Amino acid sequence: MSTQSSRSRRDFLQKLTSVVGGTTAIVATSGMVQAAPSETPESIEEKPTSKGYQRTKHVDTYYHLAEF
């Protein structure tokens, strides 16, 4: 029975150290990583003017083949 007890205790301690080690690694690196502020290009800020819906030969062909 002592073998069973010591084996489960070892497994518990191994799992505990891996969790504590992983948590420590995450905490240690979280202070180092910082995202840089994003910069939007000027071309994205200006919205292009839309010509709106245009009925073309391609659109007419689609409507003809779709058979509404």
Protein backbone atom coordinates (compact mmCIF):
# COMPACT_ATOMS: atom_id res chain seq x y z
CA MET A 1 0.00 0.00 0.00
CA SER A 2 2.90 2.35 0.60
CA THR A 3 3.99 1.90 -3.05
CA GLN A 4 0.58 3.03 -4.26
CA SER A 5 0.63 5.99 -1.92
CA SER A 6 4.11 7.17 -2.90
CA ARG A 7 3.36 6.71 -6.62
CA SER A 8 0.24 8.86 -6.48
CA ARG A 9 2.11 11.46 -4.43
CA ARG A 10 4.87 11.60 -7.06
CA ASP A 11 2.34 11.96 -9.87
CA PHE A 12 0.63 14.75 -7.99
CA LEU A 13 3.90 16.60 -7.42
CA GLN A 14 4.92 16.22 -11.07
CA LYS A 15 1.62 17.67 -12.24
CA LEU A 16 1.84 20.45 -9.70
CA THR A 17 5.34 21.48 -10.77
CA SER A 18 4.38 21.45 -14.44
CA VAL A 19 1.37 23.69 -13.78
CA VAL A 20 3.37 26.08 -11.60
CA GLY A 21 6.21 26.14 -14.13
CA GLY A 22 3.86 26.85 -17.02
CA THR A 23 2.11 29.60 -15.11
CA THR A 24 5.43 31.17 -14.18
CA ALA A 25 6.55 31.14 -17.80
CA ILE A 26 3.35 32.82 -18.94
CA VAL A 27 3.57 35.50 -16.26
CA ALA A 28 7.24 36.14 -16.99
CA THR A 29 6.70 36.62 -20.73
CA SER A 30 3.43 38.53 -20.55
CA GLY A 31 5.16 41.68 -19.34
CA MET A 32 7.64 41.55 -22.22
CA VAL A 33 5.17 41.28 -25.09
CA GLN A 34 3.31 44.43 -25.98
CA ALA A 35 1.37 45.14 -29.12
CA ALA A 36 2.34 48.18 -31.13
CA PRO A 37 -0.44 50.64 -31.95
CA SER A 38 -1.82 50.05 -35.41
CA GLU A 39 -1.52 52.76 -37.99
CA THR A 40 -4.16 53.06 -40.67
CA PRO A 41 -2.95 54.14 -44.08
CA GLU A 42 -4.49 57.30 -45.44
CA SER A 43 -5.86 55.48 -48.48
CA ILE A 44 -8.06 53.27 -46.27
CA GLU A 45 -9.54 56.23 -44.41
CA GLU A 46 -10.80 57.75 -47.66
CA LYS A 47 -13.74 55.73 -48.93
CA PRO A 48 -13.94 55.46 -52.70
CA THR A 49 -17.06 56.84 -54.29
CA SER A 50 -19.36 54.14 -55.58
CA LYS A 51 -20.93 54.30 -59.01
CA GLY A 52 -23.85 52.27 -57.76
CA TYR A 53 -25.63 49.46 -59.54
CA GLN A 54 -24.72 49.17 -63.19
CA ARG A 55 -26.63 46.95 -65.56
CA THR A 56 -24.13 45.45 -67.96
CA LYS A 57 -24.19 42.69 -70.53
CA HIS A 58 -22.68 40.35 -67.95
CA VAL A 59 -25.49 41.11 -65.48
CA ASP A 60 -28.15 40.67 -68.17
CA THR A 61 -26.68 37.27 -69.08
CA TYR A 62 -26.78 36.20 -65.44
CA TYR A 63 -30.42 37.19 -65.07
CA HIS A 64 -31.31 35.41 -68.30
CA LEU A 65 -29.59 32.17 -67.26
CA ALA A 66 -30.94 32.28 -63.70
CA GLU A 67 -34.54 32.19 -65.03
CA PHE A 68 -36.27 34.14 -62.31
